[in-house]
Amino acid sequence: MKIFRVLSKTYDRVALGIETPKDILFKLVFFIKNPFSTKKRWKLYEEYLENKIVRGRVVGGVLRYRDIQFPDIGDKKKYVKGFIPTYYDILFFYDKRNDVYDSASVDRYERSFGTEGTYCYTDNGCDMTIKKGDIVIDAGAWVGTFSAYAAKKGAQVYAFEPSVENRIILNKTAELNGNITVVPFALYDTAATLNFSEESITSRVEDVNKTIGESSHGVRAVTLDEFVVSNNIQKVNFIKADIEGSERKMLAGAVNVMKKFAPKLSICTYHLPDDRQVLSKIIMDANPKYKVVYRKMKLYAFV
């Protein structure tokens, strides 16, 4: 049965364009050469993907996916490694699938690929896509992959990223693509100063009472409700959030935004065991008109 599952996933990946005959040949060769070393095979394939998706896409010092641009991160191993799943979840459908997120394709993608799933999706009245003129909140912008995508779709993006290290690259991404305002704050359920860890690619806001480590520092946290009012933002159309378990805090601080504007919500649900239940309750309590769709590791909510 394992062979059947492998063949089925391979078929789906080829059908979607995730893998090519060249990719399959590469994996076969290194399986034959290293039949008993899964760790070695994966390391070799990881390097192959890094060259295929990141280093091999650099033109004139800029990393390009159609008209979306990023600064060259090829010499930053941590970011290159993290960019691979981000590419597939955010940029792949734009880059290779004509930016179409039909349910059949997304279903096949989630069955065949071990990433978190797409932020956009369409199915029977559920239209989780970015429109020209949208105001988009990118909570946990990292280096700006979703921000750059949304900006190229014609949106004005507010990219929230409390990591000093990540913002060095995010600021360059904003310059390359335009229509991105970098916001150095965390989104939370109250205005506060919080601890923030820079220790890994999954940098996170931590409880203010925890001891600050060597790579941690204080960050300003704001509510989205407060930010929208203080910056005279007239509407919010789309909120994307991947903030390492703080999604519930962010939503609790966006009750008025959900009530007044009913933005589309594309929220990660895999950080905490009760994410689906807790996040859904916050959303529905704020605005009972929302409909919620659960996917592999995300929920989509829309009115």
Foldseek 3Di string as FASTA:
>chain_A
DVVVLLVLLVVLCVVQVVDDPVLVVLLVVVCVVCVPCPPVSVVVSLVVLLCVQAVVQDDPQWRDQPLQIFGRCSVPVQVSSVVRLVCVQQPCCVRRVVVDAEPVSQVSCVSNDDHQHHLAHDDDPDGRDAAAAAEEEEAQCQLNRNVSVNVVNHYQYEYEDQDPVSVVRNVRSCVSRPSYHYDNAHAFQAWDKFKWAPPHSLIATDHRPDDHDPRIDIGTYHAPVVVCVVVVPPAHAEYEHDHQPRPLGNLNSCLVNCQPHVHKYKYFQPRDPCSVVSVVVSNCVSPVVWDWDDDDGIIIIGD
